[in-house]
Amino acid sequence: MRTSTRLHAHDESNNAGTGDTVRVIESRPLSATKRWRLVEVVERAR
């Protein structure tokens, strides 16, 4: 089963682009809305 959710995530190295499938982990609050960090880009958008 696969789910998709739109999140505000911190991308420190600016790797991800619009439409990419990524893996995120929960972290401490980084801003008013950001509570997630980018771990890896699973699949690039076409």
C-alpha atoms as a PDB file:
ATOM      1  CA  MET A   1       0.000   0.000   0.000  1.00  0.00           C
ATOM      2  CA  ARG A   2       1.279   3.451  -0.864  1.00  0.00           C
ATOM      3  CA  THR A   3       0.065   6.779   0.486  1.00  0.00           C
ATOM      4  CA  SER A   4       0.866  10.336  -0.455  1.00  0.00           C
ATOM      5  CA  THR A   5       0.714  13.422   1.722  1.00  0.00           C
ATOM      6  CA  ARG A   6       1.808  16.991   1.186  1.00  0.00           C
ATOM      7  CA  LEU A   7       4.163  18.127   3.954  1.00  0.00           C
ATOM      8  CA  HIS A   8       6.412  21.083   4.683  1.00  0.00           C
ATOM      9  CA  ALA A   9       9.818  19.412   4.939  1.00  0.00           C
ATOM     10  CA  HIS A  10      13.329  20.797   5.421  1.00  0.00           C
ATOM     11  CA  ASP A  11      15.601  20.083   2.439  1.00  0.00           C
ATOM     12  CA  GLU A  12      19.029  21.208   3.626  1.00  0.00           C
ATOM     13  CA  SER A  13      20.926  20.502   0.391  1.00  0.00           C
ATOM     14  CA  ASN A  14      18.036  21.539  -1.898  1.00  0.00           C
ATOM     15  CA  ASN A  15      17.926  18.117  -3.642  1.00  0.00           C
ATOM     16  CA  ALA A  16      14.189  17.670  -4.173  1.00  0.00           C
ATOM     17  CA  GLY A  17      12.146  19.229  -6.932  1.00  0.00           C
ATOM     18  CA  THR A  18       8.447  19.654  -7.587  1.00  0.00           C
ATOM     19  CA  GLY A  19       6.736  16.300  -8.117  1.00  0.00           C
ATOM     20  CA  ASP A  20       9.584  14.161  -6.738  1.00  0.00           C
ATOM     21  CA  THR A  21       8.759  11.185  -4.526  1.00  0.00           C
ATOM     22  CA  VAL A  22      10.774  11.530  -1.324  1.00  0.00           C
ATOM     23  CA  ARG A  23      11.271   9.865   2.057  1.00  0.00           C
ATOM     24  CA  VAL A  24      10.982  12.079   5.155  1.00  0.00           C
ATOM     25  CA  ILE A  25      11.387  11.604   8.904  1.00  0.00           C
ATOM     26  CA  GLU A  26       9.754  13.471  11.744  1.00  0.00           C
ATOM     27  CA  SER A  27      11.998  15.936  13.578  1.00  0.00           C
ATOM     28  CA  ARG A  28      11.873  18.749  16.075  1.00  0.00           C
ATOM     29  CA  PRO A  29       9.992  21.872  14.951  1.00  0.00           C
ATOM     30  CA  LEU A  30      12.214  23.782  12.519  1.00  0.00           C
ATOM     31  CA  SER A  31       9.720  26.599  11.885  1.00  0.00           C
ATOM     32  CA  ALA A  32       6.049  27.348  12.449  1.00  0.00           C
ATOM     33  CA  THR A  33       5.017  24.720   9.874  1.00  0.00           C
ATOM     34  CA  LYS A  34       8.090  22.513   9.253  1.00  0.00           C
ATOM     35  CA  ARG A  35       8.256  19.364  11.398  1.00  0.00           C
ATOM     36  CA  TRP A  36       9.836  16.977   8.863  1.00  0.00           C
ATOM     37  CA  ARG A  37      13.296  16.496   7.310  1.00  0.00           C
ATOM     38  CA  LEU A  38      14.104  15.089   3.883  1.00  0.00           C
ATOM     39  CA  VAL A  39      16.019  11.787   4.039  1.00  0.00           C
ATOM     40  CA  GLU A  40      16.257  10.827   0.361  1.00  0.00           C
ATOM     41  CA  VAL A  41      14.731  11.357  -3.053  1.00  0.00           C
ATOM     42  CA  VAL A  42      13.137   8.020  -3.976  1.00  0.00           C
ATOM     43  CA  GLU A  43      12.072   8.907  -7.525  1.00  0.00           C
ATOM     44  CA  ARG A  44      12.567  12.009  -9.642  1.00  0.00           C
ATOM     45  CA  ALA A  45       9.568  13.619 -11.367  1.00  0.00           C
ATOM     46  CA  ARG A  46       9.325  13.059 -15.099  1.00  0.00           C
END
